[in-house]
């Protein structure tokens, strides 16, 4: 997505969106596309706070997890929850398992 919007052929995970030529109007386009792709609300400020693909992806993953917890607590539709759970990355699932098992006492 960044490559297309910024008209830069190769973009690394740690390249800064704004150093590659990004500006506020392009940032809005990124946020709108991400919101559409992930069906979550993403504040524009997030791209300014997380200007690399790596940091932005990590924060979006955390937002998706927070939204999932909110849905669980509110008793959301099971089909929606199933779709949300199956879209969580394997690395995030592993992190959650580690967090859960660390809190348990033998």
Foldseek 3Di string as FASTA:
>chain_A
DLCVLLVPDDADQADFSVVSPDDLVSLVVVQVVVCVVLVDHDDSVLCVVQRGNNSSVVVVLVVLVVVLVVCVVVVHDPVVNVVSVVPRDPVVVVVVVVVVVVPDDD
